[in-house]
């Protein structure tokens, strides 16, 4: 198995993030730094990240979390803020699938399946993410809705067309397939309606449903299979 895939399968990070760890010279095999993600390794090789030995790949799990505001979407935080990973069971090494802003609430996934995480987050697979936004300066009129649907010019380029539904005078349901930083907030601000509250209510085939804030649940095999189908796996 290639080193990048080995690290992802072992739950260290997503495949893309694992390759970055390798290129940053943070990965060793038998004490020797390795910088090639394509290097072949076996279960017998002593692979370590930042000096900590990596175990052999384990069974794949996926958890759904209803992230509260004030919780960061990382495995660790140098500022000591609570993380989404700290909300989940500690017996499996997990990492977030993508990110939500610290002030954004709602559905985020945790997994030790690097390949699935890669497919769910890479723009090429166009996995839909649905957000419920409460915005300022209501009502949101057709001109703003049309701009969101056709694509909004941001400082990092024009967004792809989004599916937008007006739920109330100040409430929008927005479906995007990209994952730019603070994208939904920037889109709404660009059309004159800054976001006051933002929640992700769906990720691919999975809905947030009645999962309470801060709660975590393990996905069933059927739910994971549905996510794989959405991600082209």
C-alpha atoms as a PDB file:
ATOM      1  CA  UNK A   1       0.000   0.000   0.000  1.00  0.00           C
ATOM      2  CA  UNK A   2       1.232   3.501  -0.784  1.00  0.00           C
ATOM      3  CA  UNK A   3       2.303   5.583   2.190  1.00  0.00           C
ATOM      4  CA  UNK A   4      -0.306   8.323   1.692  1.00  0.00           C
ATOM      5  CA  UNK A   5      -3.115   5.802   1.499  1.00  0.00           C
ATOM      6  CA  UNK A   6      -1.687   3.894   4.486  1.00  0.00           C
ATOM      7  CA  UNK A   7      -1.814   7.014   6.665  1.00  0.00           C
ATOM      8  CA  UNK A   8      -5.352   7.817   5.523  1.00  0.00           C
ATOM      9  CA  UNK A   9      -6.488   4.244   6.134  1.00  0.00           C
ATOM     10  CA  UNK A  10      -4.955   4.337   9.603  1.00  0.00           C
ATOM     11  CA  UNK A  11      -7.077   7.371  10.467  1.00  0.00           C
ATOM     12  CA  UNK A  12      -4.208   9.864  10.647  1.00  0.00           C
ATOM     13  CA  UNK A  13      -5.747  12.337   8.193  1.00  0.00           C
ATOM     14  CA  UNK A  14      -7.536  12.514   4.872  1.00  0.00           C
ATOM     15  CA  UNK A  15      -5.489  11.321   1.923  1.00  0.00           C
ATOM     16  CA  UNK A  16      -4.751  14.855   0.758  1.00  0.00           C
ATOM     17  CA  UNK A  17      -3.750  15.971   4.265  1.00  0.00           C
ATOM     18  CA  UNK A  18      -1.640  12.822   4.701  1.00  0.00           C
ATOM     19  CA  UNK A  19       0.291  13.650   1.551  1.00  0.00           C
ATOM     20  CA  UNK A  20       0.938  17.137   2.926  1.00  0.00           C
ATOM     21  CA  UNK A  21       2.293  15.614   6.156  1.00  0.00           C
ATOM     22  CA  UNK A  22       4.683  13.523   4.096  1.00  0.00           C
ATOM     23  CA  UNK A  23       5.852  16.444   1.979  1.00  0.00           C
ATOM     24  CA  UNK A  24       6.373  18.490   5.151  1.00  0.00           C
ATOM     25  CA  UNK A  25       8.878  15.831   6.302  1.00  0.00           C
ATOM     26  CA  UNK A  26       6.793  14.865   9.346  1.00  0.00           C
ATOM     27  CA  UNK A  27       6.606  11.165   8.452  1.00  0.00           C
ATOM     28  CA  UNK A  28       9.292   8.568   9.062  1.00  0.00           C
ATOM     29  CA  UNK A  29       9.726   4.876   8.314  1.00  0.00           C
ATOM     30  CA  UNK A  30      12.043   3.087  10.718  1.00  0.00           C
ATOM     31  CA  UNK A  31      13.242   6.493  11.891  1.00  0.00           C
ATOM     32  CA  UNK A  32      14.103   7.789   8.422  1.00  0.00           C
ATOM     33  CA  UNK A  33      12.204  10.758   6.985  1.00  0.00           C
ATOM     34  CA  UNK A  34      10.212   9.885   3.846  1.00  0.00           C
ATOM     35  CA  UNK A  35       8.907  12.552   1.452  1.00  0.00           C
ATOM     36  CA  UNK A  36       7.300  10.394  -1.261  1.00  0.00           C
ATOM     37  CA  UNK A  37       3.563   9.694  -0.727  1.00  0.00           C
ATOM     38  CA  UNK A  38       3.794   6.882  -3.284  1.00  0.00           C
ATOM     39  CA  UNK A  39       6.370   4.936  -1.246  1.00  0.00           C
ATOM     40  CA  UNK A  40       5.117   1.378  -0.693  1.00  0.00           C
ATOM     41  CA  UNK A  41       4.708   0.263   2.926  1.00  0.00           C
ATOM     42  CA  UNK A  42       3.412  -2.804   4.727  1.00  0.00           C
ATOM     43  CA  UNK A  43       1.933  -3.457   8.162  1.00  0.00           C
ATOM     44  CA  UNK A  44       5.412  -4.494   9.309  1.00  0.00           C
ATOM     45  CA  UNK A  45       6.961  -1.097   8.546  1.00  0.00           C
ATOM     46  CA  UNK A  46       7.411   1.219  11.519  1.00  0.00           C
ATOM     47  CA  UNK A  47       5.600   4.315  10.253  1.00  0.00           C
ATOM     48  CA  UNK A  48       5.492   7.376  12.527  1.00  0.00           C
ATOM     49  CA  UNK A  49       4.083  10.897  12.304  1.00  0.00           C
ATOM     50  CA  UNK A  50       5.830  13.533  14.400  1.00  0.00           C
ATOM     51  CA  UNK A  51       7.527  10.694  16.253  1.00  0.00           C
ATOM     52  CA  UNK A  52       4.292   8.865  17.147  1.00  0.00           C
ATOM     53  CA  UNK A  53       4.023   5.408  15.630  1.00  0.00           C
ATOM     54  CA  UNK A  54       1.016   4.800  13.421  1.00  0.00           C
ATOM     55  CA  UNK A  55      -1.034   1.673  13.916  1.00  0.00           C
ATOM     56  CA  UNK A  56      -2.193  -0.573  11.100  1.00  0.00           C
ATOM     57  CA  UNK A  57      -5.431   0.426   9.370  1.00  0.00           C
ATOM     58  CA  UNK A  58      -8.557  -0.400  11.386  1.00  0.00           C
ATOM     59  CA  UNK A  59     -12.223  -0.857  10.623  1.00  0.00           C
ATOM     60  CA  UNK A  60     -13.915   2.078   8.916  1.00  0.00           C
ATOM     61  CA  UNK A  61     -16.400   4.188  10.890  1.00  0.00           C
ATOM     62  CA  UNK A  62     -18.253   7.421  10.201  1.00  0.00           C
ATOM     63  CA  UNK A  63     -19.934   9.613  12.816  1.00  0.00           C
ATOM     64  CA  UNK A  64     -22.398  12.460  12.348  1.00  0.00           C
ATOM     65  CA  UNK A  65     -21.999  15.439  14.677  1.00  0.00           C
ATOM     66  CA  UNK A  66     -24.273  18.422  15.195  1.00  0.00           C
ATOM     67  CA  UNK A  67     -21.533  21.002  15.718  1.00  0.00           C
ATOM     68  CA  UNK A  68     -22.432  23.793  18.141  1.00  0.00           C
ATOM     69  CA  UNK A  69     -21.184  27.345  17.693  1.00  0.00           C
ATOM     70  CA  UNK A  70     -17.792  27.956  19.313  1.00  0.00           C
ATOM     71  CA  UNK A  71     -16.456  24.498  18.430  1.00  0.00           C
ATOM     72  CA  UNK A  72     -13.684  24.277  15.817  1.00  0.00           C
ATOM     73  CA  UNK A  73     -13.719  21.746  12.994  1.00  0.00           C
ATOM     74  CA  UNK A  74     -10.265  20.302  13.600  1.00  0.00           C
ATOM     75  CA  UNK A  75      -8.783  17.342  15.422  1.00  0.00           C
ATOM     76  CA  UNK A  76      -6.615  19.594  17.599  1.00  0.00           C
ATOM     77  CA  UNK A  77      -6.569  23.314  18.331  1.00  0.00           C
ATOM     78  CA  UNK A  78      -3.415  25.167  19.445  1.00  0.00           C
ATOM     79  CA  UNK A  79      -5.579  27.769  21.174  1.00  0.00           C
ATOM     80  CA  UNK A  80      -7.224  25.132  23.345  1.00  0.00           C
ATOM     81  CA  UNK A  81     -10.730  25.635  21.980  1.00  0.00           C
ATOM     82  CA  UNK A  82     -13.133  22.659  21.943  1.00  0.00           C
ATOM     83  CA  UNK A  83     -12.966  20.576  18.772  1.00  0.00           C
ATOM     84  CA  UNK A  84     -15.543  18.424  17.001  1.00  0.00           C
ATOM     85  CA  UNK A  85     -13.297  15.407  17.497  1.00  0.00           C
ATOM     86  CA  UNK A  86     -13.461  15.878  21.273  1.00  0.00           C
ATOM     87  CA  UNK A  87     -17.231  15.328  21.063  1.00  0.00           C
ATOM     88  CA  UNK A  88     -16.833  11.821  19.632  1.00  0.00           C
ATOM     89  CA  UNK A  89     -15.826   8.498  21.258  1.00  0.00           C
ATOM     90  CA  UNK A  90     -12.128   8.453  22.076  1.00  0.00           C
ATOM     91  CA  UNK A  91     -11.486   4.793  21.237  1.00  0.00           C
ATOM     92  CA  UNK A  92     -10.976   5.478  17.503  1.00  0.00           C
ATOM     93  CA  UNK A  93      -8.731   8.064  15.895  1.00  0.00           C
ATOM     94  CA  UNK A  94     -11.012  10.324  13.854  1.00  0.00           C
ATOM     95  CA  UNK A  95     -10.725  13.484  11.816  1.00  0.00           C
ATOM     96  CA  UNK A  96     -13.301  15.872  10.332  1.00  0.00           C
ATOM     97  CA  UNK A  97     -14.574  15.580   6.773  1.00  0.00           C
ATOM     98  CA  UNK A  98     -14.162  19.169   5.621  1.00  0.00           C
ATOM     99  CA  UNK A  99     -14.828  22.108   7.915  1.00  0.00           C
ATOM    100  CA  UNK A 100     -17.473  24.427   9.261  1.00  0.00           C
ATOM    101  CA  UNK A 101     -16.669  27.936  10.485  1.00  0.00           C
ATOM    102  CA  UNK A 102     -16.463  28.295  14.256  1.00  0.00           C
ATOM    103  CA  UNK A 103     -19.740  30.252  14.256  1.00  0.00           C
ATOM    104  CA  UNK A 104     -21.535  27.868  11.875  1.00  0.00           C
ATOM    105  CA  UNK A 105     -23.555  25.050  13.383  1.00  0.00           C
ATOM    106  CA  UNK A 106     -24.914  21.801  12.040  1.00  0.00           C
ATOM    107  CA  UNK A 107     -23.878  18.608  10.336  1.00  0.00           C
ATOM    108  CA  UNK A 108     -20.232  17.605  10.088  1.00  0.00           C
ATOM    109  CA  UNK A 109     -18.840  14.111   9.624  1.00  0.00           C
ATOM    110  CA  UNK A 110     -15.951  12.454  11.450  1.00  0.00           C
ATOM    111  CA  UNK A 111     -14.244   9.361  10.077  1.00  0.00           C
ATOM    112  CA  UNK A 112     -11.096   7.274   9.909  1.00  0.00           C
ATOM    113  CA  UNK A 113     -11.764   6.466   6.235  1.00  0.00           C
ATOM    114  CA  UNK A 114      -9.387   8.663   4.265  1.00  0.00           C
ATOM    115  CA  UNK A 115     -10.625   7.599   0.845  1.00  0.00           C
ATOM    116  CA  UNK A 116     -14.252   8.384   1.667  1.00  0.00           C
ATOM    117  CA  UNK A 117     -13.263  11.735   3.210  1.00  0.00           C
ATOM    118  CA  UNK A 118     -11.316  12.590   0.063  1.00  0.00           C
ATOM    119  CA  UNK A 119     -14.268  11.836  -2.200  1.00  0.00           C
ATOM    120  CA  UNK A 120     -16.747  13.711  -0.036  1.00  0.00           C
ATOM    121  CA  UNK A 121     -14.652  16.896   0.004  1.00  0.00           C
ATOM    122  CA  UNK A 122     -12.914  17.029  -3.386  1.00  0.00           C
ATOM    123  CA  UNK A 123     -14.694  19.449  -5.772  1.00  0.00           C
ATOM    124  CA  UNK A 124     -14.399  16.939  -8.615  1.00  0.00           C
ATOM    125  CA  UNK A 125     -17.035  14.691  -7.027  1.00  0.00           C
ATOM    126  CA  UNK A 126     -19.533  17.566  -6.564  1.00  0.00           C
ATOM    127  CA  UNK A 127     -21.061  16.267  -3.336  1.00  0.00           C
ATOM    128  CA  UNK A 128     -23.935  18.627  -2.391  1.00  0.00           C
ATOM    129  CA  UNK A 129     -23.983  20.438   0.951  1.00  0.00           C
ATOM    130  CA  UNK A 130     -27.166  22.177   2.084  1.00  0.00           C
ATOM    131  CA  UNK A 131     -27.179  25.180   4.427  1.00  0.00           C
ATOM    132  CA  UNK A 132     -29.988  27.051   6.177  1.00  0.00           C
ATOM    133  CA  UNK A 133     -29.086  30.756   6.432  1.00  0.00           C
ATOM    134  CA  UNK A 134     -30.860  33.481   8.396  1.00  0.00           C
ATOM    135  CA  UNK A 135     -29.844  36.751   6.784  1.00  0.00           C
ATOM    136  CA  UNK A 136     -30.003  40.487   7.415  1.00  0.00           C
ATOM    137  CA  UNK A 137     -31.917  43.124   5.464  1.00  0.00           C
ATOM    138  CA  UNK A 138     -34.997  41.126   4.528  1.00  0.00           C
ATOM    139  CA  UNK A 139     -36.831  40.431   2.402  1.00  0.00           C
ATOM    140  CA  UNK A 140     -34.507  38.654  -0.018  1.00  0.00           C
ATOM    141  CA  UNK A 141     -35.773  39.594  -3.466  1.00  0.00           C
ATOM    142  CA  UNK A 142     -35.617  37.786  -6.795  1.00  0.00           C
ATOM    143  CA  UNK A 143     -32.601  39.741  -8.011  1.00  0.00           C
ATOM    144  CA  UNK A 144     -30.466  38.479  -5.117  1.00  0.00           C
ATOM    145  CA  UNK A 145     -31.798  34.927  -5.500  1.00  0.00           C
ATOM    146  CA  UNK A 146     -30.982  34.958  -9.204  1.00  0.00           C
ATOM    147  CA  UNK A 147     -27.430  36.146  -8.529  1.00  0.00           C
ATOM    148  CA  UNK A 148     -26.861  33.349  -6.003  1.00  0.00           C
ATOM    149  CA  UNK A 149     -28.238  30.782  -8.430  1.00  0.00           C
ATOM    150  CA  UNK A 150     -26.149  31.961 -11.375  1.00  0.00           C
ATOM    151  CA  UNK A 151     -22.862  32.506  -9.491  1.00  0.00           C
ATOM    152  CA  UNK A 152     -21.464  35.334  -7.374  1.00  0.00           C
ATOM    153  CA  UNK A 153     -18.174  37.117  -7.962  1.00  0.00           C
ATOM    154  CA  UNK A 154     -15.957  36.728  -4.881  1.00  0.00           C
ATOM    155  CA  UNK A 155     -12.340  37.732  -4.293  1.00  0.00           C
ATOM    156  CA  UNK A 156     -11.234  34.168  -5.126  1.00  0.00           C
ATOM    157  CA  UNK A 157     -13.350  33.847  -8.279  1.00  0.00           C
ATOM    158  CA  UNK A 158     -16.945  33.333  -9.330  1.00  0.00           C
ATOM    159  CA  UNK A 159     -18.892  30.683  -7.447  1.00  0.00           C
ATOM    160  CA  UNK A 160     -20.517  27.795  -9.256  1.00  0.00           C
ATOM    161  CA  UNK A 161     -24.292  27.992  -9.684  1.00  0.00           C
ATOM    162  CA  UNK A 162     -26.122  27.151  -6.455  1.00  0.00           C
ATOM    163  CA  UNK A 163     -29.609  25.847  -5.766  1.00  0.00           C
ATOM    164  CA  UNK A 164     -31.361  28.469  -3.636  1.00  0.00           C
ATOM    165  CA  UNK A 165     -34.796  28.325  -2.038  1.00  0.00           C
ATOM    166  CA  UNK A 166     -36.369  31.182  -0.107  1.00  0.00           C
ATOM    167  CA  UNK A 167     -37.952  29.605   2.986  1.00  0.00           C
ATOM    168  CA  UNK A 168     -39.006  32.901   4.602  1.00  0.00           C
ATOM    169  CA  UNK A 169     -38.381  36.650   4.157  1.00  0.00           C
ATOM    170  CA  UNK A 170     -34.983  36.288   5.888  1.00  0.00           C
ATOM    171  CA  UNK A 171     -34.364  32.545   5.556  1.00  0.00           C
ATOM    172  CA  UNK A 172     -32.584  30.868   2.635  1.00  0.00           C
ATOM    173  CA  UNK A 173     -31.770  27.244   1.908  1.00  0.00           C
ATOM    174  CA  UNK A 174     -28.619  27.121  -0.192  1.00  0.00           C
ATOM    175  CA  UNK A 175     -27.077  24.040  -1.833  1.00  0.00           C
ATOM    176  CA  UNK A 176     -23.458  24.243  -2.981  1.00  0.00           C
ATOM    177  CA  UNK A 177     -20.961  21.725  -4.362  1.00  0.00           C
ATOM    178  CA  UNK A 178     -17.814  23.690  -3.560  1.00  0.00           C
ATOM    179  CA  UNK A 179     -16.009  24.117  -0.261  1.00  0.00           C
ATOM    180  CA  UNK A 180     -14.382  27.534  -0.217  1.00  0.00           C
ATOM    181  CA  UNK A 181     -13.635  29.230   3.071  1.00  0.00           C
ATOM    182  CA  UNK A 182     -16.757  30.878   4.520  1.00  0.00           C
ATOM    183  CA  UNK A 183     -18.340  30.513   1.099  1.00  0.00           C
ATOM    184  CA  UNK A 184     -22.041  30.762   1.953  1.00  0.00           C
ATOM    185  CA  UNK A 185     -21.450  33.753   4.221  1.00  0.00           C
ATOM    186  CA  UNK A 186     -19.468  35.547   1.517  1.00  0.00           C
ATOM    187  CA  UNK A 187     -22.061  34.736  -1.149  1.00  0.00           C
ATOM    188  CA  UNK A 188     -24.898  36.182   0.905  1.00  0.00           C
ATOM    189  CA  UNK A 189     -22.908  39.270   1.810  1.00  0.00           C
ATOM    190  CA  UNK A 190     -22.080  39.809  -1.874  1.00  0.00           C
ATOM    191  CA  UNK A 191     -25.791  40.083  -2.709  1.00  0.00           C
ATOM    192  CA  UNK A 192     -26.499  42.471   0.167  1.00  0.00           C
ATOM    193  CA  UNK A 193     -27.750  40.072   2.839  1.00  0.00           C
ATOM    194  CA  UNK A 194     -25.077  39.285   5.465  1.00  0.00           C
ATOM    195  CA  UNK A 195     -25.651  36.045   7.363  1.00  0.00           C
ATOM    196  CA  UNK A 196     -26.810  36.289  10.963  1.00  0.00           C
ATOM    197  CA  UNK A 197     -27.001  32.548  11.587  1.00  0.00           C
ATOM    198  CA  UNK A 198     -25.852  29.592   9.497  1.00  0.00           C
ATOM    199  CA  UNK A 199     -26.504  25.876   9.883  1.00  0.00           C
ATOM    200  CA  UNK A 200     -25.578  22.951   7.639  1.00  0.00           C
ATOM    201  CA  UNK A 201     -28.584  20.656   7.444  1.00  0.00           C
ATOM    202  CA  UNK A 202     -27.451  18.115   4.854  1.00  0.00           C
ATOM    203  CA  UNK A 203     -24.189  16.607   3.593  1.00  0.00           C
ATOM    204  CA  UNK A 204     -24.542  14.425   0.515  1.00  0.00           C
ATOM    205  CA  UNK A 205     -27.254  11.873   1.250  1.00  0.00           C
ATOM    206  CA  UNK A 206     -27.200  12.471   5.015  1.00  0.00           C
ATOM    207  CA  UNK A 207     -29.550  14.871   6.801  1.00  0.00           C
ATOM    208  CA  UNK A 208     -28.997  16.484  10.209  1.00  0.00           C
ATOM    209  CA  UNK A 209     -32.517  15.538  11.260  1.00  0.00           C
ATOM    210  CA  UNK A 210     -33.277  15.628  14.983  1.00  0.00           C
ATOM    211  CA  UNK A 211     -29.678  15.218  16.184  1.00  0.00           C
ATOM    212  CA  UNK A 212     -29.350  17.723  19.024  1.00  0.00           C
ATOM    213  CA  UNK A 213     -26.557  20.277  19.278  1.00  0.00           C
ATOM    214  CA  UNK A 214     -23.319  18.668  20.477  1.00  0.00           C
ATOM    215  CA  UNK A 215     -24.642  15.133  19.941  1.00  0.00           C
ATOM    216  CA  UNK A 216     -22.829  12.424  17.990  1.00  0.00           C
ATOM    217  CA  UNK A 217     -24.078   9.213  16.389  1.00  0.00           C
ATOM    218  CA  UNK A 218     -22.381   6.483  14.397  1.00  0.00           C
ATOM    219  CA  UNK A 219     -23.713   5.991  10.881  1.00  0.00           C
ATOM    220  CA  UNK A 220     -25.180   2.673   9.814  1.00  0.00           C
ATOM    221  CA  UNK A 221     -23.649   0.590   7.031  1.00  0.00           C
ATOM    222  CA  UNK A 222     -26.550   1.624   4.797  1.00  0.00           C
ATOM    223  CA  UNK A 223     -25.926   5.325   5.443  1.00  0.00           C
ATOM    224  CA  UNK A 224     -22.225   4.948   4.702  1.00  0.00           C
ATOM    225  CA  UNK A 225     -23.014   3.083   1.475  1.00  0.00           C
ATOM    226  CA  UNK A 226     -25.343   5.903   0.452  1.00  0.00           C
ATOM    227  CA  UNK A 227     -22.576   8.458   1.070  1.00  0.00           C
ATOM    228  CA  UNK A 228     -20.195   6.392  -1.060  1.00  0.00           C
ATOM    229  CA  UNK A 229     -22.700   6.340  -3.914  1.00  0.00           C
ATOM    230  CA  UNK A 230     -23.141  10.119  -3.763  1.00  0.00           C
ATOM    231  CA  UNK A 231     -19.352  10.494  -3.836  1.00  0.00           C
ATOM    232  CA  UNK A 232     -18.996   8.137  -6.769  1.00  0.00           C
ATOM    233  CA  UNK A 233     -17.454   5.343  -4.722  1.00  0.00           C
END
